[in-house]
Amino acid sequence: MSAGGDGGWREVAAGVFQRRYDPVDVSVGAIVGPAGVVIVDTRNNPREGEEILRDAEEFGVPVVAAVNTHAHYDHSFGNQAFAARGIPIYGHAGIAAHYERFEGPRLTRVQADPGREPDKDWAGVHLTPPTVPVSAVTVLTAGGREIELQPLPPGHTDTDLAVRVPDAAVWLLGDVIEQSGAPMFGSGSYPLRWGAALRGLLERIGPADVIVPGHGEVVDRAFVAEQARLLEEVAAMVRRAIEAGTPVDDVLPPDELAAYWPDWMLRSALRAGSGSEMQK
């Protein structure tokens, strides 16, 4: 079991709950209002999505909506469990395209040969993009509380969506912030732009706001600012390598970055950052 475990729902602010599920210590949010619960992120497969729905029964009101903070499998492959119950799913308008480019091919490979990634239980997964694509700031009131959905500039992915609960001063940010490990340069990341995306977000986060990361413990604004600084240092490393024409395998990461990220992840950032004009 990971450091997160499953200790049940933890109330991080008035009527806003976090639950940390294994595998991968993923955060799931529950925003409880008088008319229903809005779930933030749906986990890794339909079985895990169904587990969230069962666990949410303790709130005593129905699940009225789900939100994806981004497209990655551990935050959205449980969507079909919600869709099967007719629950609307909100998410960045770019998720369907991200699925087609990244998640879809990977899922097809693993379903054809489960031994490729034996830790993934994806036999029953059918990719289910959000039923309500979000391309601009959107206010969701299905549960009886105001919830702001804010598309972010490309960073962890080009599908990042910030979820803000104004009356509780809470942000649920998915993997643009991680606490239980270093931020992941995974499929479709934008290492040259991620730090700047966080700087823009920091302009909207208050000094006392509560921030729920995609993995790990609740953090504060200072934590986000420090992670933004480190991501800016990664971007600077990538730009230096591009300008010098240094091959990815020959780059020597600064000690501070090498102490924070494993080497293979920094190589992923270097490859992603130097591989596309869209990164710049």
Protein backbone atom coordinates (compact mmCIF):
# COMPACT_ATOMS: atom_id res chain seq x y z
CA MET A 1 0.00 0.00 0.00
CA SER A 2 1.22 3.49 -0.79
CA ALA A 3 1.75 6.20 1.78
CA GLY A 4 -1.75 7.48 1.09
CA GLY A 5 -3.69 4.32 1.75
CA ASP A 6 -7.46 4.63 1.99
CA GLY A 7 -8.28 6.24 5.28
CA GLY A 8 -11.76 7.27 4.20
CA TRP A 9 -13.10 10.71 3.39
CA ARG A 10 -11.24 13.59 5.02
CA GLU A 11 -13.00 16.95 5.26
CA VAL A 12 -10.44 19.53 4.10
CA ALA A 13 -12.85 22.48 4.28
CA ALA A 14 -16.56 22.95 4.91
CA GLY A 15 -18.35 20.27 2.87
CA VAL A 16 -15.30 19.48 0.71
CA PHE A 17 -13.67 16.07 1.15
CA GLN A 18 -10.56 14.31 -0.13
CA ARG A 19 -10.08 10.55 -0.27
CA ARG A 20 -6.70 9.06 -1.16
CA TYR A 21 -7.03 5.75 -2.95
CA ASP A 22 -4.54 3.07 -3.82
CA PRO A 23 -3.08 2.26 -6.24
CA VAL A 24 -0.90 5.34 -6.86
CA ASP A 25 -2.28 7.37 -3.93
CA VAL A 26 -4.66 9.24 -6.21
CA SER A 27 -6.83 12.03 -4.78
CA VAL A 28 -10.58 11.94 -5.31
CA GLY A 29 -12.63 14.94 -4.25
CA ALA A 30 -16.22 15.12 -3.05
CA ILE A 31 -17.96 18.49 -2.95
CA VAL A 32 -21.11 18.02 -0.92
CA GLY A 33 -24.06 20.35 -1.36
CA PRO A 34 -27.69 20.29 -0.24
CA ALA A 35 -28.83 18.73 -3.53
CA GLY A 36 -26.00 16.29 -4.20
CA VAL A 37 -22.33 15.41 -4.39
CA VAL A 38 -19.92 16.39 -7.16
CA ILE A 39 -17.04 13.92 -7.49
CA VAL A 40 -13.67 15.14 -8.73
CA ASP A 41 -11.73 12.46 -10.65
CA THR A 42 -12.87 8.88 -11.26
CA ARG A 43 -9.74 6.70 -10.91
CA ASN A 44 -8.28 3.93 -13.03
CA ASN A 45 -11.08 1.70 -14.35
CA PRO A 46 -14.86 1.18 -14.04
CA ARG A 47 -14.50 -1.08 -11.00
CA GLU A 48 -12.64 1.69 -9.16
CA GLY A 49 -15.21 4.21 -10.36
CA GLU A 50 -17.96 2.06 -8.87
CA GLU A 51 -16.03 1.97 -5.59
CA ILE A 52 -16.09 5.77 -5.47
CA LEU A 53 -19.84 5.77 -6.06
CA ARG A 54 -20.38 3.29 -3.23
CA ASP A 55 -18.12 5.25 -0.90
CA ALA A 56 -20.01 8.46 -1.70
CA GLU A 57 -23.28 6.95 -0.47
CA GLU A 58 -22.29 7.88 3.08
CA PHE A 59 -22.95 11.55 2.28
CA GLY A 60 -26.66 10.79 2.08
CA VAL A 61 -27.30 12.72 -1.13
CA PRO A 62 -26.93 11.52 -4.74
CA VAL A 63 -23.86 11.95 -6.92
CA VAL A 64 -25.04 14.56 -9.41
CA ALA A 65 -21.88 15.19 -11.46
CA ALA A 66 -18.26 14.16 -11.92
CA VAL A 67 -15.31 16.29 -12.98
CA ASN A 68 -12.00 15.21 -14.56
CA THR A 69 -9.00 17.36 -13.65
CA HIS A 70 -7.18 15.99 -16.72
CA ALA A 71 -7.09 13.10 -19.17
CA HIS A 72 -4.63 10.66 -17.55
CA TYR A 73 -5.85 7.14 -16.84
CA ASP A 74 -5.70 7.28 -13.03
CA HIS A 75 -8.02 10.29 -13.01
CA SER A 76 -10.49 9.48 -15.79
CA PHE A 77 -10.67 5.79 -16.75
CA GLY A 78 -13.46 5.31 -14.19
CA ASN A 79 -15.70 7.66 -16.18
CA GLN A 80 -17.77 4.89 -17.72
CA ALA A 81 -19.12 3.87 -14.29
CA PHE A 82 -20.56 7.37 -13.90
CA ALA A 83 -21.81 7.57 -17.49
CA ALA A 84 -23.61 4.23 -17.05
CA ARG A 85 -25.70 5.86 -14.32
CA GLY A 86 -26.44 8.92 -16.42
CA ILE A 87 -24.23 11.15 -14.29
CA PRO A 88 -22.84 14.08 -16.33
CA ILE A 89 -19.05 14.23 -16.54
CA TYR A 90 -17.32 17.59 -16.90
CA GLY A 91 -13.80 17.91 -18.20
CA HIS A 92 -11.47 19.91 -20.40
CA ALA A 93 -12.63 20.10 -24.01
CA GLY A 94 -9.29 18.67 -25.13
CA ILE A 95 -9.68 15.31 -23.37
CA ALA A 96 -11.20 13.48 -26.35
CA ALA A 97 -8.26 14.50 -28.57
CA HIS A 98 -5.78 13.61 -25.82
CA TYR A 99 -7.38 10.17 -25.56
CA GLU A 100 -7.03 9.67 -29.30
CA ARG A 101 -3.35 10.62 -29.26
CA PHE A 102 -2.13 9.07 -26.00
CA GLU A 103 -4.51 7.05 -23.81
CA GLY A 104 -6.29 5.25 -26.65
CA PRO A 105 -3.20 3.69 -28.25
CA ARG A 106 -1.78 2.72 -24.86
CA LEU A 107 -5.07 1.15 -23.78
CA THR A 108 -5.29 -0.81 -27.04
CA ARG A 109 -1.77 -2.18 -26.59
CA VAL A 110 -2.38 -3.25 -22.99
CA GLN A 111 -5.75 -4.83 -23.72
CA ALA A 112 -4.16 -6.84 -26.54
CA ASP A 113 -1.24 -7.88 -24.31
CA PRO A 114 -1.94 -7.37 -20.58
CA GLY A 115 1.57 -8.55 -19.77
CA ARG A 116 2.91 -5.25 -21.08
CA GLU A 117 1.61 -3.50 -17.96
CA PRO A 118 0.46 -6.21 -15.54
CA ASP A 119 -0.35 -3.66 -12.84
CA LYS A 120 -3.16 -2.19 -14.98
CA ASP A 121 -6.66 -3.68 -14.73
CA TRP A 122 -7.94 -2.34 -18.03
CA ALA A 123 -9.75 -5.31 -19.59
CA GLY A 124 -13.15 -3.67 -19.09
CA VAL A 125 -12.18 -0.07 -19.86
CA HIS A 126 -13.96 1.76 -22.68
CA LEU A 127 -12.63 5.27 -23.08
CA THR A 128 -15.37 7.67 -22.00
CA PRO A 129 -14.57 11.35 -22.59
CA PRO A 130 -16.44 13.97 -20.57
CA THR A 131 -20.05 14.34 -21.62
CA VAL A 132 -19.82 18.09 -20.91
CA PRO A 133 -16.62 19.48 -22.48
CA VAL A 134 -15.32 22.63 -20.77
CA SER A 135 -13.50 25.20 -22.93
CA ALA A 136 -13.98 28.33 -20.78
CA VAL A 137 -14.58 29.13 -17.13
CA THR A 138 -17.79 27.34 -16.21
CA VAL A 139 -19.87 27.51 -13.03
CA LEU A 140 -21.40 24.22 -11.95
CA THR A 141 -24.30 24.33 -9.46
CA ALA A 142 -25.76 20.82 -9.81
CA GLY A 143 -25.25 19.95 -6.14
CA GLY A 144 -26.52 23.26 -4.83
CA ARG A 145 -23.09 24.88 -4.40
CA GLU A 146 -21.17 27.08 -6.79
CA ILE A 147 -18.17 25.27 -8.26
CA GLU A 148 -15.87 26.97 -10.77
CA LEU A 149 -14.20 24.91 -13.49
CA GLN A 150 -11.20 26.76 -14.91
CA PRO A 151 -9.28 25.41 -17.94
CA LEU A 152 -5.55 25.98 -17.49
CA PRO A 153 -2.81 26.64 -20.05
CA PRO A 154 -0.81 23.54 -21.05
CA GLY A 155 1.35 22.21 -18.24
CA HIS A 156 1.05 18.69 -16.87
CA THR A 157 -1.11 18.10 -19.96
CA ASP A 158 -3.07 20.24 -22.38
CA THR A 159 -6.26 19.10 -20.59
CA ASP A 160 -5.64 20.50 -17.09
CA LEU A 161 -8.70 21.86 -15.30
CA ALA A 162 -8.70 23.65 -11.94
CA VAL A 163 -11.73 23.07 -9.72
CA ARG A 164 -12.46 25.89 -7.25
CA VAL A 165 -15.07 25.92 -4.50
CA PRO A 166 -15.34 29.63 -3.66
CA ASP A 167 -17.44 29.34 -0.50
CA ALA A 168 -14.83 27.01 1.05
CA ALA A 169 -11.68 28.60 -0.44
CA VAL A 170 -10.61 25.21 -1.82
CA TRP A 171 -8.86 24.27 -5.07
CA LEU A 172 -8.68 20.72 -6.47
CA LEU A 173 -5.91 20.81 -9.04
CA GLY A 174 -5.17 17.30 -10.22
CA ASP A 175 -1.59 16.64 -11.23
CA VAL A 176 -0.50 20.17 -11.98
CA ILE A 177 0.55 19.80 -8.32
CA GLU A 178 1.73 16.61 -6.62
CA GLN A 179 2.78 16.20 -2.99
CA SER A 180 3.49 12.49 -2.48
CA GLY A 181 6.01 12.49 -5.31
CA ALA A 182 7.59 14.83 -7.83
CA PRO A 183 5.27 16.16 -10.57
CA MET A 184 5.16 13.68 -13.42
CA PHE A 185 6.25 14.52 -16.96
CA GLY A 186 3.86 11.97 -18.43
CA SER A 187 2.05 11.60 -21.72
CA GLY A 188 1.45 14.98 -23.32
CA SER A 189 3.29 17.14 -20.79
CA TYR A 190 4.53 20.67 -21.54
CA PRO A 191 7.68 21.17 -19.44
CA LEU A 192 8.52 24.51 -21.07
CA ARG A 193 5.13 25.96 -20.14
CA TRP A 194 4.13 24.20 -16.91
CA GLY A 195 5.86 26.59 -14.50
CA ALA A 196 4.31 29.61 -16.20
CA ALA A 197 0.86 27.97 -16.04
CA LEU A 198 1.29 27.59 -12.29
CA ARG A 199 2.43 31.21 -11.93
CA GLY A 200 -0.78 32.35 -13.60
CA LEU A 201 -2.83 30.12 -11.32
CA LEU A 202 -1.05 31.50 -8.24
CA GLU A 203 -2.42 34.94 -9.08
CA ARG A 204 -5.89 33.56 -8.31
CA ILE A 205 -5.06 31.54 -5.19
CA GLY A 206 -5.49 33.31 -1.87
CA PRO A 207 -2.91 33.09 0.95
CA ALA A 208 -5.20 30.96 3.13
CA ASP A 209 -6.72 28.81 0.36
CA VAL A 210 -6.65 25.02 0.69
CA ILE A 211 -5.15 23.12 -2.25
CA VAL A 212 -5.81 19.45 -2.99
CA PRO A 213 -3.11 17.94 -5.23
CA GLY A 214 -3.60 15.03 -7.61
CA HIS A 215 -1.55 12.79 -5.30
CA GLY A 216 -0.71 13.32 -1.66
CA GLU A 217 -1.58 15.56 1.27
CA VAL A 218 -3.35 18.90 1.10
CA VAL A 219 -0.90 21.76 0.51
CA ASP A 220 -0.84 25.55 0.69
CA ARG A 221 0.00 28.41 -1.65
CA ALA A 222 3.67 28.42 -0.64
CA PHE A 223 3.99 24.77 -1.72
CA VAL A 224 2.54 25.61 -5.14
CA ALA A 225 4.93 28.55 -5.50
CA GLU A 226 7.93 26.34 -4.73
CA GLN A 227 6.81 23.67 -7.19
CA ALA A 228 6.34 26.38 -9.82
CA ARG A 229 9.91 27.55 -9.20
CA LEU A 230 11.28 24.04 -9.64
CA LEU A 231 9.30 23.55 -12.84
CA GLU A 232 10.70 26.84 -14.14
CA GLU A 233 14.19 25.48 -13.43
CA VAL A 234 13.32 22.39 -15.48
CA ALA A 235 12.19 24.64 -18.34
CA ALA A 236 15.46 26.57 -18.10
CA MET A 237 17.44 23.29 -18.27
CA VAL A 238 15.50 22.19 -21.35
CA ARG A 239 16.01 25.56 -23.08
CA ARG A 240 19.75 25.47 -22.40
CA ALA A 241 19.96 22.00 -23.92
CA ILE A 242 18.00 23.09 -27.00
CA GLU A 243 20.11 26.21 -27.50
CA ALA A 244 23.37 24.27 -27.11
CA GLY A 245 22.18 21.36 -29.25
CA THR A 246 23.00 18.93 -26.43
CA PRO A 247 21.54 15.43 -26.91
CA VAL A 248 19.07 14.40 -24.23
CA ASP A 249 21.31 11.62 -22.91
CA ASP A 250 24.24 14.02 -22.53
CA VAL A 251 22.48 16.67 -20.45
CA LEU A 252 23.75 16.93 -16.88
CA PRO A 253 20.78 18.07 -14.73
CA PRO A 254 21.50 20.59 -11.97
CA ASP A 255 21.93 19.00 -8.55
CA GLU A 256 18.74 20.54 -7.19
CA LEU A 257 16.63 19.00 -9.94
CA ALA A 258 18.45 15.66 -9.78
CA ALA A 259 17.65 15.51 -6.06
CA TYR A 260 13.95 16.16 -6.67
CA TRP A 261 13.18 14.14 -9.81
CA PRO A 262 14.50 10.70 -10.80
CA ASP A 263 16.81 10.81 -13.80
CA TRP A 264 14.41 9.01 -16.14
CA MET A 265 11.73 11.63 -15.46
CA LEU A 266 14.07 14.52 -16.22
CA ARG A 267 14.99 12.77 -19.48
CA SER A 268 11.26 12.60 -20.25
CA ALA A 269 11.01 16.34 -19.69
CA LEU A 270 13.99 16.96 -21.96
CA ARG A 271 12.52 14.80 -24.72
CA ALA A 272 9.09 16.38 -24.44
CA GLY A 273 10.42 19.92 -24.27
CA SER A 274 12.72 19.57 -27.26
CA GLY A 275 10.37 17.51 -29.38
CA SER A 276 7.67 19.96 -30.44
CA GLU A 277 7.30 23.60 -31.39
CA MET A 278 4.04 23.59 -29.42
CA GLN A 279 6.09 23.34 -26.23
CA LYS A 280 7.75 26.70 -26.76
